[in-house]
Amino acid sequence: MVQRMHELVRAHPRFGYRRVWALLRMEGRCVNRKRVHRLWKREHLKVPTKQHKKRHLGTSENSIVRRRAGHKDHVWCWDFIHDSDERGRTLKWLSIVDEFTRECLVLEVARSITSLDVIDLLADLFIIRGVPGHIRSDNGPEFIAGAIKSYLERADVGALYIAPASPWENGIAESFHGRVRDELLNVELFLDLLDAKCHASRWQNDYNHRRPHSSLGYVPPALFASTLGRPPVGAAPLPPADPALTCYPVQTLIATGTGNGGRPGPRAVLGGWGAGIRGHEGCCLRTHRYPGGPGPARRCRPSCRCGR
């Protein structure tokens, strides 16, 4: 077991003995936490200590203390974090986390992420996951842009903006970015953007399905989420749109009130083609021409996985 503890420490250098104990239990080993602690001290294993500055509680009504998540998909939080690749080129990371289950729903990396890129990611996530009740964020220019405000309003999502210069009011997002920085960005040397995307996908999957989370009783977020019942009606996903509507411009759909029971879907709120449904897995649906649809045929964006 000591050999396995050393292997886990090498694989996760920022994990303490409690997370190592949780990983051993998940592997089927019947071991007490106190025994793991004794072996940890005997082998002189430790995580380098850090000093954290303390801040006073913010006063915003949208802080995590005053507006807590009550169930799955009740409140999401999102934020940006910055890094660079081997050649010093900028890497901008966007994360979206479910505050109740602590699942990482999105971990996107690009050279630049604009408000329209954020809307596009949200549209994909709303279709796959469903529409949350609220999204908490700081006052960054991407989040307070008029396009995002309008999109969230039409999708019936409440925007919780924290007080300016008060990152502790969005504590779950800040804590998650601390894990991203400590366990991914400070560990890996990214060769280029593609290499960063590969590492982001791998780390996100490991975080959701294998990494023990201390706030959830040392179980992975995906496992914790699977034990929950169905969310309340307010957090239920949007009903699927009619596929027959994919060949019409969104302006027509909004004017006629068709699709999603008279309510425009996520794509219809954004604008472009698609009307809130996915033509195929991973497609951005913003520049395709569908059979029978008006307008010239266009190629999909380079980052789309559809290959068009």
Protein backbone atom coordinates (compact mmCIF):
# COMPACT_ATOMS: atom_id res chain seq x y z
CA MET A 1 0.00 0.00 0.00
CA VAL A 2 2.93 2.33 0.67
CA GLN A 3 4.08 1.82 -2.90
CA ARG A 4 0.62 2.71 -4.16
CA MET A 5 0.62 5.84 -1.98
CA HIS A 6 3.89 6.95 -3.59
CA GLU A 7 2.41 6.33 -7.04
CA LEU A 8 -0.64 8.45 -6.20
CA VAL A 9 1.55 11.24 -4.82
CA ARG A 10 3.64 11.27 -7.98
CA ALA A 11 0.50 11.37 -10.11
CA HIS A 12 -1.14 14.08 -7.94
CA PRO A 13 1.62 16.07 -6.24
CA ARG A 14 -0.84 18.59 -4.76
CA PHE A 15 -3.05 15.98 -3.05
CA GLY A 16 -2.87 15.63 0.73
CA TYR A 17 -3.22 12.43 2.73
CA ARG A 18 -7.02 12.75 2.94
CA ARG A 19 -7.44 12.69 -0.85
CA VAL A 20 -4.90 9.88 -1.13
CA TRP A 21 -6.94 7.96 1.46
CA ALA A 22 -10.11 8.62 -0.54
CA LEU A 23 -8.45 7.37 -3.73
CA LEU A 24 -7.31 4.20 -1.95
CA ARG A 25 -10.86 3.60 -0.71
CA MET A 26 -12.22 4.13 -4.23
CA GLU A 27 -9.79 1.45 -5.46
CA GLY A 28 -11.38 -1.03 -3.04
CA ARG A 29 -8.76 -0.97 -0.27
CA CYS A 30 -10.21 -1.23 3.23
CA VAL A 31 -7.93 1.20 5.01
CA ASN A 32 -8.45 3.65 7.85
CA ARG A 33 -7.66 7.32 7.37
CA LYS A 34 -5.53 7.37 10.52
CA ARG A 35 -3.38 4.56 9.15
CA VAL A 36 -2.86 6.48 5.91
CA HIS A 37 -1.87 9.48 8.00
CA ARG A 38 0.69 7.43 9.97
CA LEU A 39 2.20 6.03 6.78
CA TRP A 40 2.16 9.51 5.24
CA LYS A 41 4.23 10.89 8.13
CA ARG A 42 6.53 7.87 8.20
CA GLU A 43 7.32 8.28 4.51
CA HIS A 44 7.86 12.04 5.01
CA LEU A 45 5.22 12.91 2.43
CA LYS A 46 3.75 16.38 2.54
CA VAL A 47 2.24 19.10 0.41
CA PRO A 48 4.16 22.41 0.49
CA THR A 49 2.33 24.81 2.74
CA LYS A 50 0.94 28.07 1.40
CA GLN A 51 -0.06 31.26 3.12
CA HIS A 52 -3.42 32.65 2.07
CA LYS A 53 -4.45 36.24 2.68
CA LYS A 54 -7.78 36.66 4.43
CA ARG A 55 -10.41 39.06 3.19
CA HIS A 56 -13.57 40.37 4.78
CA LEU A 57 -16.95 39.19 3.56
CA GLY A 58 -18.34 41.14 0.61
CA THR A 59 -21.57 43.06 0.87
CA SER A 60 -23.11 42.24 -2.51
CA GLU A 61 -26.52 40.58 -2.48
CA ASN A 62 -25.30 38.23 -5.22
CA SER A 63 -22.44 36.70 -3.22
CA ILE A 64 -22.18 32.97 -2.55
CA VAL A 65 -23.16 33.51 1.09
CA ARG A 66 -26.42 35.33 0.38
CA ARG A 67 -27.43 33.48 -2.80
CA ARG A 68 -26.48 29.85 -2.28
CA ALA A 69 -27.21 27.07 -4.75
CA GLY A 70 -30.08 24.91 -3.52
CA HIS A 71 -30.02 22.09 -6.05
CA LYS A 72 -28.36 20.86 -9.22
CA ASP A 73 -28.38 23.44 -12.05
CA HIS A 74 -29.69 26.10 -9.69
CA VAL A 75 -26.61 28.34 -9.81
CA TRP A 76 -23.62 28.09 -12.14
CA CYS A 77 -20.51 30.21 -11.85
CA TRP A 78 -18.04 31.17 -14.53
CA ASP A 79 -14.79 33.06 -14.74
CA PHE A 80 -11.59 33.46 -16.75
CA ILE A 81 -8.03 32.49 -15.93
CA HIS A 82 -4.94 33.31 -17.98
CA ASP A 83 -1.76 31.41 -18.79
CA SER A 84 0.76 31.08 -21.64
CA ASP A 85 2.27 28.31 -23.74
CA GLU A 86 5.93 27.33 -24.17
CA ARG A 87 6.59 30.26 -26.53
CA GLY A 88 4.92 32.80 -24.28
CA ARG A 89 1.74 33.11 -26.32
CA THR A 90 -1.46 33.89 -24.45
CA LEU A 91 -3.85 31.15 -23.36
CA LYS A 92 -7.23 32.26 -22.04
CA TRP A 93 -9.28 29.72 -20.08
CA LEU A 94 -13.01 29.85 -19.40
CA SER A 95 -14.59 27.59 -16.80
CA ILE A 96 -18.23 27.00 -15.90
CA VAL A 97 -18.97 25.12 -12.67
CA ASP A 98 -22.21 23.90 -11.13
CA GLU A 99 -22.06 25.35 -7.60
CA PHE A 100 -24.19 22.59 -6.05
CA THR A 101 -22.58 19.47 -7.54
CA ARG A 102 -19.17 21.16 -8.17
CA GLU A 103 -19.06 19.61 -11.65
CA CYS A 104 -16.86 21.33 -14.20
CA LEU A 105 -19.27 21.80 -17.10
CA VAL A 106 -16.90 23.72 -19.39
CA LEU A 107 -13.14 24.15 -19.43
CA GLU A 108 -12.43 25.96 -22.68
CA VAL A 109 -9.06 27.35 -23.75
CA ALA A 110 -8.32 29.65 -26.68
CA ARG A 111 -6.08 32.54 -27.66
CA SER A 112 -9.00 34.93 -27.26
CA ILE A 113 -12.56 34.45 -26.01
CA THR A 114 -15.07 37.16 -26.84
CA SER A 115 -18.62 37.63 -25.63
CA LEU A 116 -19.93 35.94 -28.80
CA ASP A 117 -17.68 32.95 -28.12
CA VAL A 118 -19.09 32.78 -24.60
CA ILE A 119 -22.65 32.82 -25.97
CA ASP A 120 -21.79 30.03 -28.38
CA LEU A 121 -20.42 27.88 -25.55
CA LEU A 122 -23.49 28.62 -23.44
CA ALA A 123 -25.81 27.61 -26.27
CA ASP A 124 -24.11 24.24 -26.60
CA LEU A 125 -24.18 23.72 -22.84
CA PHE A 126 -27.86 24.69 -22.52
CA ILE A 127 -28.78 22.12 -25.15
CA ILE A 128 -26.74 19.34 -23.54
CA ARG A 129 -27.21 20.12 -19.84
CA GLY A 130 -30.30 22.28 -19.64
CA VAL A 131 -30.86 25.88 -18.60
CA PRO A 132 -29.81 26.90 -15.06
CA GLY A 133 -31.67 29.25 -12.80
CA HIS A 134 -28.80 31.69 -12.33
CA ILE A 135 -25.20 32.29 -13.42
CA ARG A 136 -22.82 34.07 -11.06
CA SER A 137 -19.88 36.07 -12.42
CA ASP A 138 -17.72 39.10 -11.82
CA ASN A 139 -17.95 42.33 -13.78
CA GLY A 140 -15.55 41.38 -16.56
CA PRO A 141 -16.18 42.95 -19.98
CA GLU A 142 -17.13 39.60 -21.51
CA PHE A 143 -19.82 38.99 -18.87
CA ILE A 144 -21.38 42.46 -18.75
CA ALA A 145 -21.53 42.81 -22.53
CA GLY A 146 -24.93 43.72 -23.88
CA ALA A 147 -25.04 40.59 -26.07
CA ILE A 148 -24.64 38.28 -23.06
CA LYS A 149 -27.14 40.20 -20.96
CA SER A 150 -29.70 40.01 -23.74
CA TYR A 151 -29.01 36.32 -24.33
CA LEU A 152 -29.39 35.38 -20.66
CA GLU A 153 -32.56 37.43 -20.40
CA ARG A 154 -34.17 35.68 -23.38
CA ALA A 155 -33.06 32.29 -22.07
CA ASP A 156 -34.69 33.17 -18.71
CA VAL A 157 -31.42 32.88 -16.77
CA GLY A 158 -30.76 35.25 -13.89
CA ALA A 159 -27.37 36.98 -13.99
CA LEU A 160 -25.79 37.35 -10.54
CA TYR A 161 -23.06 39.97 -10.79
CA ILE A 162 -20.90 40.28 -7.70
CA ALA A 163 -19.63 43.60 -6.37
CA PRO A 164 -16.66 45.08 -8.26
CA ALA A 165 -13.21 44.08 -6.97
CA SER A 166 -14.73 41.40 -4.71
CA PRO A 167 -13.58 38.01 -6.08
CA TRP A 168 -14.32 36.29 -2.76
CA GLU A 169 -18.03 36.75 -3.49
CA ASN A 170 -17.59 34.28 -6.34
CA GLY A 171 -15.67 31.94 -4.10
CA ILE A 172 -16.50 28.64 -5.78
CA ALA A 173 -15.17 29.83 -9.12
CA GLU A 174 -12.05 31.24 -7.44
CA SER A 175 -11.50 27.99 -5.53
CA PHE A 176 -11.92 25.96 -8.70
CA HIS A 177 -9.40 28.14 -10.54
CA GLY A 178 -7.02 27.62 -7.65
CA ARG A 179 -7.23 23.87 -8.32
CA VAL A 180 -6.80 24.43 -12.06
CA ARG A 181 -3.75 26.59 -11.46
CA ASP A 182 -2.23 24.28 -8.88
CA GLU A 183 -2.91 20.91 -10.51
CA LEU A 184 -2.82 21.76 -14.22
CA LEU A 185 -1.35 25.10 -15.24
CA ASN A 186 1.60 24.97 -12.85
CA VAL A 187 2.32 21.33 -13.69
CA GLU A 188 2.05 21.10 -17.47
CA LEU A 189 4.11 22.93 -20.10
CA PHE A 190 1.81 23.56 -23.06
CA LEU A 191 3.45 23.32 -26.46
CA ASP A 192 0.65 25.09 -28.30
CA LEU A 193 -3.11 25.66 -28.23
CA LEU A 194 -3.95 22.12 -29.35
CA ASP A 195 -1.77 20.65 -26.60
CA ALA A 196 -3.54 22.88 -24.05
CA LYS A 197 -6.95 21.71 -25.29
CA CYS A 198 -5.92 18.06 -24.91
CA HIS A 199 -4.69 18.63 -21.36
CA ALA A 200 -7.84 20.59 -20.50
CA SER A 201 -10.10 17.78 -21.71
CA ARG A 202 -8.11 15.15 -19.81
CA TRP A 203 -8.01 17.17 -16.59
CA GLN A 204 -11.72 18.05 -16.75
CA ASN A 205 -12.64 14.39 -17.13
CA ASP A 206 -10.35 13.38 -14.27
CA TYR A 207 -11.73 16.18 -12.05
CA ASN A 208 -15.36 15.22 -12.64
CA HIS A 209 -15.06 11.44 -12.47
CA ARG A 210 -12.00 10.47 -10.42
CA ARG A 211 -10.75 13.33 -8.25
CA PRO A 212 -12.16 13.19 -4.67
CA HIS A 213 -13.75 16.52 -3.74
CA SER A 214 -13.39 17.55 -0.09
CA SER A 215 -16.63 19.60 -0.08
CA LEU A 216 -18.61 16.55 -1.23
CA GLY A 217 -17.31 14.10 1.36
CA TYR A 218 -14.35 13.08 -0.80
CA VAL A 219 -16.37 11.71 -3.68
CA PRO A 220 -15.99 12.87 -7.32
CA PRO A 221 -18.50 15.51 -8.46
CA ALA A 222 -20.00 13.30 -11.19
CA LEU A 223 -20.58 10.49 -8.67
CA PHE A 224 -22.20 12.94 -6.25
CA ALA A 225 -24.43 14.33 -9.01
CA SER A 226 -25.55 10.83 -9.99
CA THR A 227 -26.97 10.26 -6.50
CA LEU A 228 -29.28 13.27 -6.72
CA GLY A 229 -32.89 13.12 -7.81
CA ARG A 230 -34.41 15.04 -10.66
CA PRO A 231 -34.03 18.83 -10.32
CA PRO A 232 -37.03 21.10 -9.74
CA VAL A 233 -39.06 22.27 -12.67
CA GLY A 234 -37.26 25.60 -12.73
CA ALA A 235 -33.96 23.85 -13.51
CA ALA A 236 -35.34 21.41 -16.09
CA PRO A 237 -33.81 21.45 -19.60
CA LEU A 238 -35.53 23.17 -22.46
CA PRO A 239 -37.81 20.89 -24.50
CA PRO A 240 -36.34 19.81 -27.85
CA ALA A 241 -37.03 21.96 -30.89
CA ASP A 242 -38.77 20.77 -34.03
CA PRO A 243 -36.14 19.59 -36.59
CA ALA A 244 -38.29 21.01 -39.37
CA LEU A 245 -37.41 24.50 -38.18
CA THR A 246 -33.68 24.21 -38.91
CA CYS A 247 -34.01 25.50 -42.48
CA TYR A 248 -35.54 28.88 -41.58
CA PRO A 249 -33.84 32.05 -40.41
CA VAL A 250 -33.98 32.69 -36.69
CA GLN A 251 -35.64 36.06 -37.21
CA THR A 252 -38.64 34.23 -38.69
CA LEU A 253 -38.76 31.83 -35.74
CA ILE A 254 -38.73 34.65 -33.21
CA ALA A 255 -41.38 36.60 -35.11
CA THR A 256 -43.71 33.63 -35.41
CA GLY A 257 -42.98 32.27 -31.93
CA THR A 258 -42.33 28.76 -33.25
CA GLY A 259 -39.97 26.21 -31.79
CA ASN A 260 -39.77 25.07 -28.15
CA GLY A 261 -43.47 25.59 -27.60
CA GLY A 262 -43.42 29.23 -28.69
CA ARG A 263 -40.23 29.99 -26.75
CA PRO A 264 -37.07 30.58 -28.83
CA GLY A 265 -34.34 28.07 -28.07
CA PRO A 266 -30.74 28.91 -27.12
CA ARG A 267 -29.63 29.20 -30.75
CA ALA A 268 -32.63 31.31 -31.67
CA VAL A 269 -31.72 33.75 -28.91
CA LEU A 270 -28.19 33.98 -30.27
CA GLY A 271 -29.06 34.44 -33.94
CA GLY A 272 -27.84 32.57 -37.01
CA TRP A 273 -28.93 29.13 -38.17
CA GLY A 274 -30.04 26.17 -36.13
CA ALA A 275 -32.99 27.46 -34.08
CA GLY A 276 -31.82 25.84 -30.88
CA ILE A 277 -31.10 22.27 -31.99
CA ARG A 278 -27.95 20.40 -32.90
CA GLY A 279 -27.61 19.16 -36.46
CA HIS A 280 -24.86 16.79 -35.36
CA GLU A 281 -22.66 16.29 -32.32
CA GLY A 282 -20.29 19.16 -31.55
CA CYS A 283 -21.37 21.43 -34.41
CA CYS A 284 -21.51 25.17 -33.84
CA LEU A 285 -24.59 25.53 -36.09
CA ARG A 286 -23.80 29.18 -36.77
CA THR A 287 -22.74 29.22 -40.43
CA HIS A 288 -24.15 26.07 -42.04
CA ARG A 289 -26.75 26.07 -44.79
CA TYR A 290 -29.36 23.36 -44.20
CA PRO A 291 -31.32 21.64 -46.97
CA GLY A 292 -33.93 24.00 -48.30
CA GLY A 293 -32.63 26.94 -46.29
CA PRO A 294 -32.02 30.29 -47.93
CA GLY A 295 -28.63 31.96 -48.21
CA PRO A 296 -25.25 30.83 -49.59
CA ALA A 297 -23.47 27.76 -48.29
CA ARG A 298 -20.75 28.56 -45.76
CA ARG A 299 -18.02 26.61 -44.07
CA CYS A 300 -18.08 25.93 -40.34
CA ARG A 301 -15.63 27.62 -38.01
CA PRO A 302 -12.18 25.94 -37.69
CA SER A 303 -12.66 24.99 -34.02
CA CYS A 304 -15.84 23.03 -34.71
CA ARG A 305 -15.56 19.24 -34.54
CA CYS A 306 -17.96 18.56 -37.39
CA GLY A 307 -15.26 18.89 -40.10
CA ARG A 308 -17.37 20.98 -42.51
